[in-house]
């Protein structure tokens, strides 16, 4: 389903410690915009109802049923874009290629949350 790289898992665990949310999973959601690109959201949350809980690299990921198909096969990574500029990125085979005009825009084509 979803995998997390070692770098992303380390950052997620550190953020959970800082937020005193170590007993919660990382909820990941996705929605498709009018151009077909995926946009992502994530935050610490408890699993409920029909949520899918996936363990990867020691991190519990929580996905609501409505988001499962969009997130299937996705990898969450944490990379340094420029010195000191670290971000989570979403590598997802379900994401449509970004339109040429928006190719550099964060939020389409797999670019994600700053930390």
N, C-alpha and C. Protein backbone atom coordinates (compact mmCIF):
# COMPACT_ATOMS: atom_id res chain seq x y z
N UNK A 1 0.83 -1.19 0.00
CA UNK A 1 0.00 0.00 0.00
C UNK A 1 0.87 1.25 0.00
N UNK A 2 1.29 1.72 1.18
CA UNK A 2 2.12 2.92 1.31
C UNK A 2 3.42 2.51 1.99
N UNK A 3 4.51 3.08 1.50
CA UNK A 3 5.78 2.85 2.18
C UNK A 3 6.38 4.19 2.59
N UNK A 4 7.22 4.11 3.60
CA UNK A 4 7.90 5.28 4.12
C UNK A 4 9.39 4.99 4.07
N UNK A 5 10.17 5.94 3.60
CA UNK A 5 11.62 5.75 3.59
C UNK A 5 12.16 5.89 5.01
N UNK A 6 13.38 5.43 5.20
CA UNK A 6 14.03 5.54 6.49
C UNK A 6 14.13 6.99 6.93
N UNK A 7 14.49 7.88 6.00
CA UNK A 7 14.61 9.32 6.33
C UNK A 7 13.27 9.90 6.76
N UNK A 8 12.20 9.55 6.03
CA UNK A 8 10.87 10.07 6.37
C UNK A 8 10.42 9.54 7.72
N UNK A 9 10.66 8.26 7.97
CA UNK A 9 10.25 7.66 9.24
C UNK A 9 10.94 8.35 10.41
N UNK A 10 12.22 8.64 10.28
CA UNK A 10 12.95 9.32 11.35
C UNK A 10 12.35 10.70 11.62
N UNK A 11 12.00 11.42 10.58
CA UNK A 11 11.41 12.76 10.74
C UNK A 11 10.01 12.67 11.33
N UNK A 12 9.23 11.67 10.93
CA UNK A 12 7.88 11.49 11.47
C UNK A 12 7.97 11.18 12.97
N UNK A 13 8.88 10.29 13.35
CA UNK A 13 9.04 9.97 14.77
C UNK A 13 9.46 11.20 15.57
N UNK A 14 10.38 12.00 15.03
CA UNK A 14 10.82 13.22 15.71
C UNK A 14 9.66 14.21 15.86
N UNK A 15 8.87 14.37 14.82
CA UNK A 15 7.71 15.28 14.87
C UNK A 15 6.68 14.78 15.88
N UNK A 16 6.47 13.46 15.94
CA UNK A 16 5.53 12.89 16.90
C UNK A 16 6.00 13.16 18.33
N UNK A 17 7.31 13.00 18.57
CA UNK A 17 7.86 13.30 19.91
C UNK A 17 7.64 14.77 20.26
N UNK A 18 7.96 15.66 19.31
CA UNK A 18 7.82 17.09 19.54
C UNK A 18 6.37 17.49 19.82
N UNK A 19 5.43 16.81 19.16
CA UNK A 19 4.00 17.12 19.31
C UNK A 19 3.34 16.30 20.41
N UNK A 20 4.14 15.50 21.10
CA UNK A 20 3.61 14.59 22.12
C UNK A 20 2.47 13.75 21.55
N UNK A 21 2.70 13.22 20.33
CA UNK A 21 1.70 12.43 19.61
C UNK A 21 2.22 11.04 19.29
N UNK A 22 3.13 10.55 20.12
CA UNK A 22 3.76 9.26 19.85
C UNK A 22 2.79 8.09 19.85
N UNK A 23 1.63 8.25 20.48
CA UNK A 23 0.65 7.17 20.51
C UNK A 23 -0.33 7.23 19.34
N UNK A 24 -0.15 8.20 18.44
CA UNK A 24 -1.04 8.35 17.28
C UNK A 24 -0.33 7.93 16.01
N UNK A 25 -1.11 7.59 15.00
CA UNK A 25 -0.56 7.30 13.69
C UNK A 25 -0.48 8.56 12.85
N UNK A 26 0.20 8.48 11.73
CA UNK A 26 0.25 9.59 10.79
C UNK A 26 -0.84 9.37 9.75
N UNK A 27 -1.89 10.19 9.81
CA UNK A 27 -2.97 10.09 8.84
C UNK A 27 -2.53 10.79 7.55
N UNK A 28 -2.71 10.08 6.43
CA UNK A 28 -2.39 10.65 5.12
C UNK A 28 -3.66 10.64 4.28
N UNK A 29 -3.92 11.76 3.62
CA UNK A 29 -5.09 11.90 2.76
C UNK A 29 -4.65 12.48 1.42
N UNK A 30 -5.44 12.23 0.40
CA UNK A 30 -5.16 12.78 -0.93
C UNK A 30 -6.47 13.15 -1.61
N UNK A 31 -6.41 14.19 -2.41
CA UNK A 31 -7.57 14.54 -3.24
C UNK A 31 -7.05 14.94 -4.62
N UNK A 32 -7.86 14.71 -5.62
CA UNK A 32 -7.49 15.04 -6.99
C UNK A 32 -8.13 16.37 -7.35
N UNK A 33 -7.35 17.30 -7.92
CA UNK A 33 -7.91 18.59 -8.33
C UNK A 33 -8.45 18.51 -9.76
N UNK A 34 -8.96 19.62 -10.27
CA UNK A 34 -9.59 19.65 -11.59
C UNK A 34 -8.63 19.26 -12.71
N UNK A 35 -7.32 19.51 -12.52
CA UNK A 35 -6.35 19.16 -13.56
C UNK A 35 -5.91 17.70 -13.46
N UNK A 36 -6.35 17.01 -12.40
CA UNK A 36 -6.00 15.61 -12.23
C UNK A 36 -4.83 15.37 -11.30
N UNK A 37 -4.16 16.44 -10.84
CA UNK A 37 -3.03 16.30 -9.94
C UNK A 37 -3.52 15.97 -8.53
N UNK A 38 -2.72 15.24 -7.79
CA UNK A 38 -3.06 14.91 -6.42
C UNK A 38 -2.47 15.94 -5.46
N UNK A 39 -3.23 16.25 -4.42
CA UNK A 39 -2.78 17.11 -3.34
C UNK A 39 -2.90 16.31 -2.06
N UNK A 40 -1.95 16.48 -1.16
CA UNK A 40 -1.84 15.63 0.01
C UNK A 40 -1.98 16.44 1.29
N UNK A 41 -2.44 15.73 2.33
CA UNK A 41 -2.50 16.29 3.68
C UNK A 41 -2.07 15.19 4.64
N UNK A 42 -1.45 15.59 5.73
CA UNK A 42 -1.08 14.59 6.73
C UNK A 42 -1.00 15.26 8.09
N UNK A 43 -1.27 14.45 9.11
CA UNK A 43 -1.23 14.92 10.48
C UNK A 43 -1.43 13.74 11.41
N UNK A 44 -1.07 13.90 12.66
CA UNK A 44 -1.19 12.82 13.62
C UNK A 44 -2.65 12.67 14.04
N UNK A 45 -3.11 11.41 14.07
CA UNK A 45 -4.52 11.15 14.35
C UNK A 45 -4.69 9.69 14.76
N UNK A 46 -5.74 9.41 15.50
CA UNK A 46 -6.07 8.03 15.88
C UNK A 46 -6.86 7.37 14.76
N UNK A 47 -6.65 6.08 14.58
CA UNK A 47 -7.43 5.32 13.61
C UNK A 47 -8.85 5.18 14.13
N UNK A 48 -9.80 5.13 13.21
CA UNK A 48 -11.20 4.96 13.59
C UNK A 48 -11.94 4.20 12.50
N UNK A 49 -13.03 3.59 12.87
CA UNK A 49 -13.91 2.91 11.92
C UNK A 49 -13.21 1.98 10.97
N UNK A 50 -13.37 2.25 9.67
CA UNK A 50 -12.82 1.41 8.62
C UNK A 50 -11.44 1.86 8.14
N UNK A 51 -10.77 2.70 8.91
CA UNK A 51 -9.44 3.16 8.51
C UNK A 51 -8.50 1.97 8.32
N UNK A 52 -7.63 2.12 7.36
CA UNK A 52 -6.55 1.15 7.16
C UNK A 52 -5.34 1.67 7.91
N UNK A 53 -4.70 0.80 8.68
CA UNK A 53 -3.47 1.16 9.38
C UNK A 53 -2.36 0.31 8.79
N UNK A 54 -1.34 0.98 8.26
CA UNK A 54 -0.21 0.32 7.62
C UNK A 54 1.05 0.67 8.39
N UNK A 55 1.86 -0.32 8.69
CA UNK A 55 3.14 -0.07 9.35
C UNK A 55 4.25 -0.09 8.31
N UNK A 56 5.10 0.93 8.34
CA UNK A 56 6.24 1.00 7.44
C UNK A 56 7.39 1.69 8.17
N UNK A 57 8.53 1.04 8.24
CA UNK A 57 9.73 1.60 8.90
C UNK A 57 9.43 2.00 10.34
N UNK A 58 8.56 1.25 11.00
CA UNK A 58 8.25 1.53 12.39
C UNK A 58 7.27 2.66 12.62
N UNK A 59 6.64 3.14 11.56
CA UNK A 59 5.67 4.23 11.66
C UNK A 59 4.30 3.68 11.27
N UNK A 60 3.27 4.03 12.06
CA UNK A 60 1.90 3.64 11.72
C UNK A 60 1.28 4.72 10.85
N UNK A 61 0.82 4.32 9.67
CA UNK A 61 0.16 5.23 8.74
C UNK A 61 -1.33 4.91 8.75
N UNK A 62 -2.16 5.94 8.81
CA UNK A 62 -3.61 5.78 8.87
C UNK A 62 -4.21 6.36 7.59
N UNK A 63 -5.06 5.55 6.93
CA UNK A 63 -5.68 5.98 5.67
C UNK A 63 -7.17 5.69 5.74
N UNK A 64 -7.99 6.69 5.47
CA UNK A 64 -9.44 6.52 5.41
C UNK A 64 -9.80 5.79 4.12
N UNK A 65 -10.91 5.06 4.13
CA UNK A 65 -11.31 4.31 2.93
C UNK A 65 -11.39 5.16 1.66
N UNK A 66 -11.82 6.40 1.77
CA UNK A 66 -11.98 7.26 0.60
C UNK A 66 -10.66 7.60 -0.07
N UNK A 67 -9.54 7.41 0.63
CA UNK A 67 -8.23 7.80 0.09
C UNK A 67 -7.37 6.61 -0.32
N UNK A 68 -7.81 5.42 -0.02
CA UNK A 68 -6.99 4.22 -0.27
C UNK A 68 -6.55 4.09 -1.72
N UNK A 69 -7.47 4.22 -2.63
CA UNK A 69 -7.14 4.02 -4.04
C UNK A 69 -6.12 5.04 -4.53
N UNK A 70 -6.26 6.30 -4.11
CA UNK A 70 -5.33 7.34 -4.55
C UNK A 70 -3.94 7.17 -3.96
N UNK A 71 -3.85 6.52 -2.80
CA UNK A 71 -2.57 6.38 -2.12
C UNK A 71 -1.90 5.03 -2.34
N UNK A 72 -2.57 4.12 -3.01
CA UNK A 72 -2.02 2.78 -3.23
C UNK A 72 -0.72 2.85 -4.04
N UNK A 73 0.35 2.33 -3.48
CA UNK A 73 1.65 2.32 -4.16
C UNK A 73 2.51 3.53 -3.89
N UNK A 74 2.05 4.45 -3.07
CA UNK A 74 2.77 5.69 -2.79
C UNK A 74 3.95 5.45 -1.84
N UNK A 75 5.00 6.24 -2.02
CA UNK A 75 6.14 6.26 -1.11
C UNK A 75 6.27 7.67 -0.56
N UNK A 76 6.42 7.77 0.76
CA UNK A 76 6.64 9.06 1.41
C UNK A 76 8.13 9.15 1.74
N UNK A 77 8.77 10.21 1.25
CA UNK A 77 10.19 10.42 1.50
C UNK A 77 10.39 11.79 2.12
N UNK A 78 11.58 12.03 2.64
CA UNK A 78 11.95 13.31 3.25
C UNK A 78 13.31 13.68 2.67
N UNK A 79 13.34 14.76 1.91
CA UNK A 79 14.55 15.10 1.16
C UNK A 79 14.95 16.55 1.39
N UNK A 80 16.22 16.82 1.12
CA UNK A 80 16.74 18.18 1.18
C UNK A 80 16.77 18.75 -0.23
N UNK A 81 15.93 19.76 -0.48
CA UNK A 81 15.87 20.39 -1.80
C UNK A 81 17.06 21.32 -2.03
N UNK A 82 17.34 22.10 -1.03
CA UNK A 82 18.48 23.01 -1.02
C UNK A 82 19.05 22.94 0.39
N UNK A 83 20.27 23.41 0.60
CA UNK A 83 20.82 23.35 1.95
C UNK A 83 19.86 23.94 3.00
N UNK A 84 19.47 23.11 3.95
CA UNK A 84 18.58 23.52 5.02
C UNK A 84 17.10 23.51 4.69
N UNK A 85 16.73 23.19 3.46
CA UNK A 85 15.32 23.18 3.03
C UNK A 85 14.87 21.73 2.87
N UNK A 86 14.34 21.14 3.93
CA UNK A 86 13.89 19.76 3.94
C UNK A 86 12.39 19.71 3.76
N UNK A 87 11.91 18.73 2.99
CA UNK A 87 10.48 18.58 2.76
C UNK A 87 10.11 17.11 2.61
N UNK A 88 8.87 16.82 2.99
CA UNK A 88 8.31 15.52 2.65
C UNK A 88 7.90 15.58 1.19
N UNK A 89 8.13 14.49 0.48
CA UNK A 89 7.64 14.38 -0.90
C UNK A 89 6.83 13.09 -1.01
N UNK A 90 5.86 13.13 -1.89
CA UNK A 90 4.97 12.00 -2.13
C UNK A 90 5.28 11.48 -3.53
N UNK A 91 5.79 10.27 -3.59
CA UNK A 91 6.10 9.63 -4.88
C UNK A 91 4.98 8.65 -5.13
N UNK A 92 4.11 9.00 -6.07
CA UNK A 92 2.87 8.26 -6.22
C UNK A 92 2.61 7.91 -7.69
N UNK A 93 2.51 6.63 -8.00
CA UNK A 93 2.24 6.23 -9.39
C UNK A 93 0.83 6.63 -9.85
N UNK A 94 -0.03 7.01 -8.92
CA UNK A 94 -1.40 7.41 -9.27
C UNK A 94 -1.53 8.89 -9.59
N UNK A 95 -0.45 9.65 -9.42
CA UNK A 95 -0.49 11.09 -9.65
C UNK A 95 -0.30 11.38 -11.13
N UNK A 96 -1.16 12.23 -11.66
CA UNK A 96 -1.05 12.65 -13.06
C UNK A 96 0.17 13.55 -13.19
N UNK A 97 0.84 13.52 -14.34
CA UNK A 97 1.97 14.44 -14.55
C UNK A 97 1.48 15.88 -14.44
N UNK A 98 2.31 16.72 -13.86
CA UNK A 98 1.95 18.13 -13.71
C UNK A 98 1.91 18.80 -15.07
N UNK A 99 0.93 19.69 -15.31
CA UNK A 99 0.91 20.45 -16.57
C UNK A 99 2.19 21.26 -16.69
N UNK A 100 2.61 21.53 -17.91
CA UNK A 100 3.87 22.22 -18.16
C UNK A 100 3.95 23.55 -17.40
N UNK A 101 2.85 24.28 -17.32
CA UNK A 101 2.86 25.58 -16.66
C UNK A 101 3.04 25.45 -15.16
N UNK A 102 2.63 24.32 -14.59
CA UNK A 102 2.69 24.16 -13.14
C UNK A 102 3.80 23.21 -12.72
N UNK A 103 4.65 22.81 -13.63
CA UNK A 103 5.65 21.79 -13.32
C UNK A 103 6.53 22.18 -12.15
N UNK A 104 6.79 23.45 -11.96
CA UNK A 104 7.63 23.86 -10.84
C UNK A 104 6.86 24.18 -9.59
N UNK A 105 5.54 24.09 -9.62
CA UNK A 105 4.73 24.46 -8.46
C UNK A 105 4.69 23.36 -7.43
N UNK A 106 4.93 23.71 -6.19
CA UNK A 106 4.82 22.75 -5.10
C UNK A 106 3.35 22.42 -4.91
N UNK A 107 3.07 21.16 -4.64
CA UNK A 107 1.69 20.74 -4.45
C UNK A 107 1.19 19.94 -5.63
N UNK A 108 1.84 20.02 -6.76
CA UNK A 108 1.49 19.16 -7.88
C UNK A 108 2.77 18.43 -8.29
N UNK A 109 2.62 17.26 -8.80
CA UNK A 109 3.79 16.50 -9.20
C UNK A 109 4.55 15.91 -8.03
N UNK A 110 3.95 15.85 -6.84
CA UNK A 110 4.54 15.11 -5.75
C UNK A 110 5.29 15.90 -4.71
N UNK A 111 5.33 17.20 -4.78
CA UNK A 111 6.04 18.00 -3.79
C UNK A 111 5.13 18.22 -2.59
N UNK A 112 5.70 18.23 -1.40
CA UNK A 112 4.81 18.26 -0.25
C UNK A 112 5.19 19.21 0.85
N UNK A 113 4.92 18.78 2.05
CA UNK A 113 4.97 19.62 3.25
C UNK A 113 6.39 19.99 3.64
N UNK A 114 6.58 21.23 4.01
CA UNK A 114 7.87 21.69 4.54
C UNK A 114 7.94 21.34 6.01
N UNK A 115 9.16 21.25 6.49
CA UNK A 115 9.33 21.01 7.92
C UNK A 115 10.38 21.94 8.46
